[in-house]
Amino acid sequence: MSEHLKIIYEDQGIVRLEIDKPPINALDMPMVQAFLDVLDKIETDDSLRCMVIIGTGRSFCSGEDLKTLGDTGEDQDLFTKLVDRIEATRIPVIAAINGFCIGGGMELAMCCDLRLASTNASIACAGVNLGLLGGTYRLPKIIGEAYAKRLLYTGERVGADVALQYGFVTSVHEPEELLDAAMQLARRIASRAPLSVEATKRMVSRMDLPRKENDAWFDKELKALIKTQDHKEAMVAFKEKRDPIFKRI
């Protein structure tokens, strides 16, 4: 486990990952591997219902550490594996963007399900600034082709206000309030029926499938949920006018 990746288990089944590598939280390969190892544990822990990723200090993540980046492509392969794994993680993942979110850091934020930003966030697709490439798959899906092309072609940095305007983040908060806002959102998600949340995430990931195939998956997922004890508990709780107690069964 990397000393630069902190894992904090919160109440209500929430796990928080903190990137802690001053001064700007650049990722080296041991950190990427540590991320992957943590995801292995999270994926098999049925008690977990939501994950929050945040950086310490003045940066969310500044991307891959250019000082240690090799030229064989192996480092990039490992990083690609990481963002794909985060995107496919069973539980929803929230990125709390608390400062610099540059290059690979933006890729890390994009693979999360939801993104919040602090007022001092600085976000950029930096590929063209370094003679490289990145963000071309996920960014257009998140903010639309026109806005994505502007950021991808120019490599310009934008602040939280523009990120909100583009729809890259869903809300903006003062720096000292960002983590609380992310945790509040995580707790709301964690309080919902976990099997339903997980099925919803899977269905959203299938949104590009042809309509008939998508409908078939939807029908399969819904029929499975109807049979769960959590669904029965929700119906009873509704009649009894109380909050349901979900057990992921």
Protein backbone atom coordinates (compact mmCIF):
# COMPACT_ATOMS: atom_id res chain seq x y z
CA MET A 1 0.00 0.00 0.00
CA SER A 2 1.33 3.46 -0.91
CA GLU A 3 1.90 5.91 1.94
CA HIS A 4 0.42 8.58 -0.33
CA LEU A 5 -3.06 7.05 -0.49
CA LYS A 6 -5.14 7.25 2.67
CA ILE A 7 -8.21 5.08 3.20
CA ILE A 8 -10.84 6.26 5.69
CA TYR A 9 -13.90 4.17 6.44
CA GLU A 10 -16.81 6.39 7.43
CA ASP A 11 -20.22 5.53 8.85
CA GLN A 12 -23.14 4.37 6.68
CA GLY A 13 -20.88 2.28 4.44
CA ILE A 14 -18.90 5.17 2.97
CA VAL A 15 -15.20 4.88 2.17
CA ARG A 16 -13.04 7.95 1.52
CA LEU A 17 -9.80 7.81 -0.44
CA GLU A 18 -7.41 10.74 -0.01
CA ILE A 19 -4.54 11.39 -2.38
CA ASP A 20 -1.77 12.80 -0.21
CA LYS A 21 1.43 13.50 -2.11
CA PRO A 22 2.47 17.14 -1.69
CA PRO A 23 2.75 19.54 -3.26
CA ILE A 24 0.19 18.79 -6.01
CA ASN A 25 -0.73 15.10 -5.64
CA ALA A 26 0.91 13.71 -8.76
CA LEU A 27 0.38 9.99 -9.28
CA ASP A 28 3.31 7.62 -9.52
CA MET A 29 2.91 3.96 -10.42
CA PRO A 30 3.04 2.65 -6.81
CA MET A 31 0.10 4.95 -6.04
CA VAL A 32 -1.82 3.70 -9.08
CA GLN A 33 -1.21 0.11 -7.99
CA ALA A 34 -2.30 1.01 -4.45
CA PHE A 35 -5.54 2.40 -5.90
CA LEU A 36 -6.11 -0.86 -7.76
CA ASP A 37 -5.45 -2.91 -4.62
CA VAL A 38 -7.96 -0.83 -2.66
CA LEU A 39 -10.57 -1.27 -5.38
CA ASP A 40 -10.15 -5.04 -5.13
CA LYS A 41 -11.10 -4.85 -1.45
CA ILE A 42 -13.96 -2.41 -2.00
CA GLU A 43 -15.50 -4.49 -4.73
CA THR A 44 -15.89 -7.50 -2.45
CA ASP A 45 -17.02 -5.61 0.68
CA ASP A 46 -20.82 -5.70 0.59
CA SER A 47 -21.03 -3.29 3.54
CA LEU A 48 -19.74 -0.40 1.40
CA ARG A 49 -22.25 1.75 -0.46
CA CYS A 50 -20.43 4.83 -1.74
CA MET A 51 -16.88 6.10 -2.25
CA VAL A 52 -15.48 9.63 -2.13
CA ILE A 53 -12.13 10.56 -3.69
CA ILE A 54 -10.43 13.81 -2.68
CA GLY A 55 -6.94 15.25 -2.61
CA THR A 56 -5.19 16.87 0.32
CA GLY A 57 -3.80 20.39 0.33
CA ARG A 58 -4.28 22.52 -2.77
CA SER A 59 -4.77 19.79 -5.34
CA PHE A 60 -7.23 17.04 -6.20
CA CYS A 61 -4.76 15.35 -8.52
CA SER A 62 -2.30 16.86 -11.00
CA GLY A 63 -2.16 13.70 -13.08
CA GLU A 64 0.71 11.31 -13.57
CA ASP A 65 4.09 12.26 -12.14
CA LEU A 66 6.03 13.34 -15.23
CA LYS A 67 9.32 12.86 -13.40
CA THR A 68 8.71 9.13 -13.14
CA LEU A 69 6.70 8.58 -16.32
CA GLY A 70 8.33 6.06 -18.65
CA ASP A 71 8.23 6.08 -22.43
CA THR A 72 7.24 2.43 -23.02
CA GLY A 73 3.51 2.93 -22.48
CA GLU A 74 3.37 0.51 -19.54
CA ASP A 75 2.66 3.31 -17.07
CA GLN A 76 -0.20 4.54 -19.24
CA ASP A 77 -1.61 1.04 -19.49
CA LEU A 78 -1.71 0.76 -15.70
CA PHE A 79 -3.32 4.18 -15.36
CA THR A 80 -5.94 3.28 -17.98
CA LYS A 81 -6.67 0.12 -16.02
CA LEU A 82 -7.22 2.27 -12.92
CA VAL A 83 -9.72 4.70 -14.43
CA ASP A 84 -11.60 1.85 -16.11
CA ARG A 85 -11.80 0.02 -12.78
CA ILE A 86 -13.06 3.10 -10.92
CA GLU A 87 -15.70 3.65 -13.58
CA ALA A 88 -16.84 0.03 -13.29
CA THR A 89 -16.75 -0.09 -9.48
CA ARG A 90 -19.89 -1.63 -8.00
CA ILE A 91 -20.69 1.40 -5.84
CA PRO A 92 -21.09 5.05 -6.91
CA VAL A 93 -17.92 7.15 -6.74
CA ILE A 94 -17.87 10.88 -5.98
CA ALA A 95 -14.91 13.12 -6.90
CA ALA A 96 -14.48 16.13 -4.61
CA ILE A 97 -12.28 18.42 -6.71
CA ASN A 98 -10.50 20.63 -4.20
CA GLY A 99 -7.90 22.37 -6.38
CA PHE A 100 -5.72 21.38 -9.33
CA CYS A 101 -7.40 18.74 -11.49
CA ILE A 102 -5.09 18.53 -14.46
CA GLY A 103 -4.44 15.95 -17.21
CA GLY A 104 -4.60 12.52 -15.62
CA GLY A 105 -6.24 14.14 -12.61
CA MET A 106 -9.10 15.20 -14.85
CA GLU A 107 -9.24 11.65 -16.22
CA LEU A 108 -9.48 10.43 -12.63
CA ALA A 109 -12.37 12.81 -11.95
CA MET A 110 -14.14 11.89 -15.19
CA CYS A 111 -14.28 8.19 -14.39
CA CYS A 112 -16.18 8.98 -11.18
CA ASP A 113 -19.97 9.00 -11.22
CA LEU A 114 -20.37 12.47 -9.75
CA ARG A 115 -18.11 15.49 -9.38
CA LEU A 116 -18.25 18.41 -6.96
CA ALA A 117 -15.76 21.28 -6.96
CA SER A 118 -14.44 23.91 -4.60
CA THR A 119 -14.32 27.53 -5.68
CA ASN A 120 -10.54 27.25 -6.11
CA ALA A 121 -10.70 24.28 -8.49
CA SER A 122 -8.54 24.51 -11.61
CA ILE A 123 -9.41 21.97 -14.29
CA ALA A 124 -7.70 21.18 -17.60
CA CYS A 125 -7.30 18.52 -20.27
CA ALA A 126 -3.56 18.99 -20.63
CA GLY A 127 -2.79 16.46 -23.35
CA VAL A 128 -2.18 18.97 -26.12
CA ASN A 129 0.06 21.01 -23.81
CA LEU A 130 2.43 18.06 -23.52
CA GLY A 131 2.24 16.58 -26.99
CA LEU A 132 0.00 13.82 -25.66
CA LEU A 133 -3.65 12.78 -25.75
CA GLY A 134 -6.39 12.31 -23.20
CA GLY A 135 -10.02 12.87 -22.28
CA THR A 136 -11.37 12.23 -25.77
CA TYR A 137 -13.72 9.41 -24.77
CA ARG A 138 -15.28 10.48 -21.48
CA LEU A 139 -15.33 14.27 -21.70
CA PRO A 140 -17.69 14.56 -24.72
CA LYS A 141 -20.08 12.15 -22.99
CA ILE A 142 -20.06 14.28 -19.84
CA ILE A 143 -20.29 17.83 -21.20
CA GLY A 144 -21.17 17.42 -24.88
CA GLU A 145 -19.05 17.55 -28.00
CA ALA A 146 -18.77 21.33 -28.46
CA TYR A 147 -17.58 22.20 -24.96
CA ALA A 148 -15.36 19.11 -24.90
CA LYS A 149 -13.62 20.08 -28.14
CA ARG A 150 -12.87 23.52 -26.74
CA LEU A 151 -11.15 22.08 -23.69
CA LEU A 152 -9.47 19.22 -25.55
CA TYR A 153 -8.11 21.34 -28.41
CA THR A 154 -6.91 24.28 -26.31
CA GLY A 155 -5.67 22.64 -23.11
CA GLU A 156 -6.91 25.73 -21.28
CA ARG A 157 -7.66 25.71 -17.58
CA VAL A 158 -11.14 26.53 -16.37
CA GLY A 159 -12.40 27.32 -12.91
CA ALA A 160 -15.28 25.89 -10.94
CA ASP A 161 -17.80 28.37 -12.37
CA VAL A 162 -17.11 27.28 -15.96
CA ALA A 163 -17.01 23.61 -14.93
CA LEU A 164 -20.48 24.06 -13.44
CA GLN A 165 -21.72 25.88 -16.55
CA TYR A 166 -20.43 23.06 -18.74
CA GLY A 167 -22.02 20.41 -16.52
CA PHE A 168 -18.68 18.86 -15.58
CA VAL A 169 -19.51 19.29 -11.89
CA THR A 170 -22.93 19.31 -10.26
CA SER A 171 -22.21 21.86 -7.53
CA VAL A 172 -19.57 24.32 -6.29
CA HIS A 173 -18.63 24.92 -2.65
CA GLU A 174 -16.26 26.96 -0.55
CA PRO A 175 -13.03 24.99 0.03
CA GLU A 176 -13.78 24.38 3.69
CA GLU A 177 -17.26 23.10 2.84
CA LEU A 178 -16.43 20.79 -0.07
CA LEU A 179 -15.76 17.59 1.87
CA ASP A 180 -18.91 18.04 3.96
CA ALA A 181 -20.94 18.51 0.78
CA ALA A 182 -19.44 15.39 -0.78
CA MET A 183 -20.06 13.37 2.37
CA GLN A 184 -23.65 14.62 2.59
CA LEU A 185 -24.25 13.48 -0.98
CA ALA A 186 -22.56 10.15 -0.25
CA ARG A 187 -24.75 9.59 2.81
CA ARG A 188 -27.88 10.30 0.80
CA ILE A 189 -26.81 7.72 -1.81
CA ALA A 190 -25.83 5.24 0.92
CA SER A 191 -29.26 5.56 2.51
CA ARG A 192 -31.01 4.32 -0.65
CA ALA A 193 -31.57 0.64 -1.50
CA PRO A 194 -28.01 -0.50 -2.33
CA LEU A 195 -28.94 -3.21 -4.83
CA SER A 196 -31.13 -0.68 -6.61
CA VAL A 197 -28.34 1.91 -6.68
CA GLU A 198 -25.91 -0.65 -8.07
CA ALA A 199 -28.39 -1.77 -10.73
CA THR A 200 -29.03 1.86 -11.66
CA LYS A 201 -25.29 2.43 -12.10
CA ARG A 202 -25.06 -0.62 -14.34
CA MET A 203 -27.97 0.60 -16.45
CA VAL A 204 -26.47 4.06 -16.88
CA SER A 205 -23.25 2.40 -18.10
CA ARG A 206 -25.32 0.67 -20.79
CA MET A 207 -26.91 3.86 -22.12
CA ASP A 208 -25.10 3.57 -25.46
CA LEU A 209 -26.53 0.14 -26.19
CA PRO A 210 -29.22 -0.18 -28.88
CA ARG A 211 -32.68 0.49 -27.45
CA LYS A 212 -33.91 -3.11 -27.61
CA GLU A 213 -30.79 -4.42 -25.89
CA ASN A 214 -31.03 -1.70 -23.26
CA ASP A 215 -34.69 -2.52 -22.65
CA ALA A 216 -33.84 -6.20 -22.24
CA TRP A 217 -31.26 -5.39 -19.59
CA PHE A 218 -33.67 -3.02 -17.86
CA ASP A 219 -36.34 -5.71 -17.71
CA LYS A 220 -33.84 -8.22 -16.29
CA GLU A 221 -32.57 -5.82 -13.63
CA LEU A 222 -36.05 -4.70 -12.59
CA LYS A 223 -37.40 -8.23 -12.26
CA ALA A 224 -34.45 -9.16 -10.05
CA LEU A 225 -35.02 -6.11 -7.81
CA ILE A 226 -38.72 -6.87 -7.41
CA LYS A 227 -37.75 -10.16 -5.74
CA THR A 228 -35.39 -8.59 -3.17
CA GLN A 229 -36.07 -8.28 0.53
CA ASP A 230 -35.08 -4.61 0.31
CA HIS A 231 -37.95 -3.94 -2.08
CA LYS A 232 -40.38 -5.70 0.27
CA GLU A 233 -38.97 -3.71 3.19
CA ALA A 234 -39.45 -0.45 1.27
CA MET A 235 -43.09 -1.27 0.58
CA VAL A 236 -43.76 -2.14 4.23
CA ALA A 237 -41.95 0.99 5.42
CA PHE A 238 -44.03 3.10 3.04
CA LYS A 239 -47.27 1.71 4.50
CA GLU A 240 -45.99 2.17 8.04
CA LYS A 241 -44.80 5.72 7.28
CA ARG A 242 -41.21 5.12 8.39
CA ASP A 243 -37.77 5.06 6.80
CA PRO A 244 -36.86 1.66 5.32
CA ILE A 245 -33.92 -0.32 6.64
CA PHE A 246 -32.03 -1.71 3.66
CA LYS A 247 -29.76 -4.75 4.09
CA ARG A 248 -28.64 -5.37 0.49
CA ILE A 249 -30.61 -8.61 0.25
